[in-house]
Amino acid sequence: MKSTLKYGASFLLVLFLFFSKGIVASEKGEDVIDNARLSSQTQACIGCHNTHTPGIVKDWLSSRHSKVIPSEALKKNVLQRRISVESLPGELSEHVVGCYECHSQRPEKHKDNFEHLGYKINVIVTPDDCKACHPAEATQYAESKKAHAIKNLMENPVYNALTNTITGVKRVENGKILSERASDTTLHETCLGCHGTKITVKGMKKVNTKMGEILVPELMNWANQGVGRENPDGSLGACTACHPRHSFSIEIARKPYTCAQCHLEPDVPAWNVYKESKHGNIYSSKHKEWNFESVPWVVGKDFKAPTCASCHNSLLVSPGGEVIAERTHDFGSRLWVRLFGLIYSHPQPKSGNTTIIKNKDGLPLPTTFTGELSSEYLIDKTEQEKRFAVVKNICNSCHSTDWINNHFTKLEETIKETNEMTLAATKLMSNAWENKIEDKTNPFNEPIEQMWIRQWLFYSNSIRYASAMTGAPDYASFKNGWWSLSENLQRMKDWTEFKKKATR
């Protein structure tokens, strides 16, 4: 009872101080706001959280959400808009986008919704909540491979076997290594840290806070901001993977450090390759002079070398206002080829849900083990050419036609050669299986199989990314590149010969 009274008194005191003092606008650009632009519900939220979680409030105060009423945003011309909704409901048209505006959306859909000081609050803000103002972006994202990232990994028996083989605890019994299924904890902080976890609500629990005891939902596999997170409202994904809360900054999303959280060596060395490339060289030297906030993003004015976002999803225009590439939040929609080998590089899948793919051998893979394409599930030549044209148009903003054509001719040859090196490794592994040197029951748990994994998951990928991103010679040669690709193949051959002799 004392705790409850103390809580109530503190809450009222905070509200009194907040409303009486307010947060006064500053001409110096400090993170402040006029209370008149806040909804009464958000004012109540900030009344407490400004004292007890000030970092969250200050971060939000730095955001565009805290400064612009969505109805004001709709008055901009179409290219300058950061929202794609055509009309707004009353509750979103009269105030800036505050705590309550995001955390109260569609409570009937949210299993994580709970009663909090007289308000119905969702713990997790999901893409379907953001959809209230950003419907085009949310719809595009929902169709992407990123949105299906946990499903594509964990509901594919082949990839799931690889995941468990790598991350499961190992025990030794009678001289043999036995692998257990990976724990939820390990998966959460390894593969699913990027792919996303499945958030479920176990029930309610009491937690002790600075203001006393509070009853909150008990969430399993939370906190997580993986790109394919399965949310309590049934939606897929986390906008905060790229636009972290509570600033939701377009600047952060456009800078390559954000992508680098997951896209780095050894398996997806995009960040490492980018840093070594000439584009990355220019970015590292000059990015402090660039404008990462502007919409649309003007090539040559706002930035002078591409980042991940400019090639993959940003709305780009010329200095004269001509659209170079439309904004998209389906991050594969501009890509015609999938550099990431599974196990070979191949055309992009038609659907973001790749669990539907079946190859000629009945496995849920985009190619067979010998490289034959699962063409029924992959984009055709016409779609490949359409996407290729979009990317070439972006490149053409800075480069000549001859430069661009030569670059992509080189990339095409690199894809062909690295696929051949993966096939060579696959033949050695298949030979080991046929001769009973290794057991193919689990294709990921024996030495030659793990060398085979390195061939396509690390080395071939590294070379292809280096080729695609205009010059990262060390990653194509000595840093997980051709040196490793060739040495690994020889090691596989030597291991096979060694095992043959050992079993005679």
Foldseek 3Di string as FASTA:
>chain_A
DVLVVLLVVVLVVLLVVCVVVPWDDDPVPQLTAGCQQADPVLSSVCSPCCPFVVVQVRLLSLAVLQPDQLLNLQPDPPQQHPFDDNDAPPVRRRHRCGDCLQFQPPLVLFPQWDQDPNHTGHPDRALVSVCRGHVQQSVLLQFALLQCLCCQQCVAVQNLLQVQLVAFDWDADPNDIDGDGHDLVSCLPPVCLASAEEKDWPAWDWDQGPSGIDIGTDIPSDDHQHQNHQHRSRGGGHLCLQQNPDRRAQLSNQAQVSVVVPQPDQQRNLVVLLCLAPLVVCCVVCVVVAARRGGQHEDPHRDPGGHLCLQFFGFYAYPVGHTLAHGHNRRCQLAQWALRPLQAIGGAFPTSNQQVQQEPVRHSTQAPQQGHGSVVGHDDPVSSVVSVVSNVSSVVSPDDPVVVVVLVVQLVVLSVVLSVLLNLLSVLVVVCCVVVLDPVPRQCNDDSSVLSCLSRRGASSQLSSNSNNHHNVCSCPPVSHPVSSVVSSVVSVVVSVVSVVVVD
